[in-house]
Protein backbone atom coordinates (compact mmCIF):
# COMPACT_ATOMS: atom_id res chain seq x y z
CA MET A 1 -11.13 -8.89 11.85
CA PRO A 2 -8.54 -10.77 9.80
CA ILE A 3 -4.97 -10.62 11.13
CA GLU A 4 -3.74 -9.05 7.88
CA GLU A 5 -6.18 -6.16 8.27
CA TYR A 6 -5.22 -5.71 11.92
CA GLU A 7 -1.48 -5.60 11.03
CA ARG A 8 -2.17 -3.09 8.23
CA LEU A 9 -4.08 -0.82 10.61
CA LEU A 10 -1.38 -1.15 13.25
CA SER A 11 1.34 -0.25 10.74
CA ALA A 12 -0.66 2.74 9.54
CA ALA A 13 -1.12 3.97 13.12
CA GLU A 14 2.61 3.59 13.83
CA ALA A 15 3.48 5.46 10.63
CA GLN A 16 1.11 8.27 11.58
CA GLU A 17 2.66 8.51 15.07
CA LEU A 18 6.17 8.69 13.57
CA ALA A 19 5.10 11.39 11.14
CA VAL A 20 3.83 13.50 14.04
CA ARG A 21 7.15 13.05 15.88
CA LEU A 22 9.11 14.01 12.75
CA ASP A 23 7.20 17.27 12.47
CA ASP A 24 7.39 18.10 16.19
CA PRO A 25 9.89 20.95 16.71
CA LYS A 26 10.42 19.75 20.29
CA THR A 27 11.89 16.45 19.10
CA ASN A 28 15.58 16.37 19.98
CA TRP A 29 17.46 14.61 17.17
CA VAL A 30 20.92 13.15 17.60
CA LYS A 31 23.31 12.69 14.69
CA ALA A 32 23.85 9.02 13.88
CA GLU A 33 27.63 9.53 13.97
CA ASP A 34 27.45 11.02 17.47
CA ALA A 35 25.31 8.14 18.67
CA ALA A 36 27.75 5.63 17.15
CA LEU A 37 30.66 7.25 18.96
CA GLU A 38 28.83 7.13 22.26
CA ILE A 39 28.11 3.46 21.66
CA ALA A 40 31.79 2.87 20.80
CA GLY A 41 32.96 4.29 24.12
CA SER A 42 30.35 2.29 25.96
CA TRP A 43 31.33 -0.86 24.05
CA ILE A 44 35.01 -0.40 24.89
CA ALA A 45 34.15 -0.01 28.57
CA LYS A 46 31.89 -3.09 28.49
CA ALA A 47 34.56 -5.16 26.72
CA ARG A 48 37.12 -4.05 29.30
CA LYS A 49 34.81 -4.98 32.17
CA ARG A 50 33.93 -8.28 30.50
CA ALA A 51 37.66 -9.02 30.40
CA GLY A 52 37.72 -8.37 34.16
CA LEU A 53 39.97 -5.34 33.87
CA THR A 54 39.88 -1.94 35.50
CA GLN A 55 40.90 1.12 33.52
CA LYS A 56 44.17 1.07 35.45
CA GLN A 57 44.86 -2.56 34.53
CA LEU A 58 44.09 -1.98 30.84
CA ALA A 59 46.29 1.09 30.91
CA ALA A 60 49.13 -0.99 32.37
CA ARG A 61 48.75 -3.55 29.58
CA LEU A 62 48.93 -0.77 27.01
CA ARG A 63 51.63 1.15 28.89
CA VAL A 64 49.59 4.34 28.90
CA PRO A 65 48.19 6.45 31.74
CA GLN A 66 44.82 5.42 33.19
CA SER A 67 43.52 8.86 32.25
CA GLN A 68 44.02 7.99 28.58
CA ILE A 69 41.78 4.93 28.91
CA SER A 70 39.15 7.08 30.59
CA ARG A 71 39.40 9.65 27.78
CA ILE A 72 39.12 6.97 25.09
CA GLU A 73 36.02 5.50 26.72
CA LYS A 74 34.44 8.95 26.91
CA HIS A 75 35.69 10.26 23.53
CA PRO A 76 36.66 7.36 21.22
CA GLU A 77 36.55 9.70 18.23
CA ARG A 78 39.78 11.26 19.48
CA SER A 79 41.63 7.94 19.28
CA THR A 80 43.66 6.66 16.39
CA ILE A 81 43.10 3.39 14.58
CA LYS A 82 46.48 2.24 15.90
CA THR A 83 45.30 2.81 19.48
CA MET A 84 42.02 1.02 18.80
CA LYS A 85 43.97 -1.97 17.45
CA ARG A 86 46.05 -2.04 20.62
CA ILE A 87 42.93 -1.87 22.79
CA ALA A 88 41.27 -4.68 20.84
CA ALA A 89 44.37 -6.86 21.20
CA ALA A 90 44.65 -6.13 24.93
CA LEU A 91 40.99 -7.04 25.41
CA GLY A 92 41.23 -10.13 23.25
CA VAL A 93 38.55 -9.02 20.81
CA ASP A 94 38.49 -8.84 17.05
CA ILE A 95 39.48 -5.40 15.74
CA ALA A 96 36.75 -5.52 13.09
CA THR A 97 34.14 -5.84 15.83
CA LEU A 98 35.66 -2.98 17.79
CA MET A 99 36.02 -0.80 14.72
CA SER A 100 32.45 -1.40 13.60
CA PHE A 101 31.43 0.71 16.59
CA ALA A 102 34.41 3.02 16.90
CA ALA A 103 35.11 6.27 15.15
CA ARG A 104 37.43 6.37 12.22
CA GLU A 105 40.56 8.46 12.42
CA LYS A 106 39.76 12.00 11.38
């Protein structure tokens, strides 16, 4: 069988499998925005850990309570752009990178 035919058949099978999943009422869909926010919190935590900081140490740099850092990592959508800029600066990362994952101010 030529490779082109094999790839076509494979793509068709994958498309059919996806169609079945789309129609399955048991499929649990997550909003893209919600997934992005979860990733943002995770990314902030990873950047903090990569910088070798605990939540308490980052909080001290920002002069905020440690509980606020914990909240931001769990719920970045509740943060302001100003706070995200401060976090990015404290972690030594580019704000554009941080903001590409983080929620915009509501």
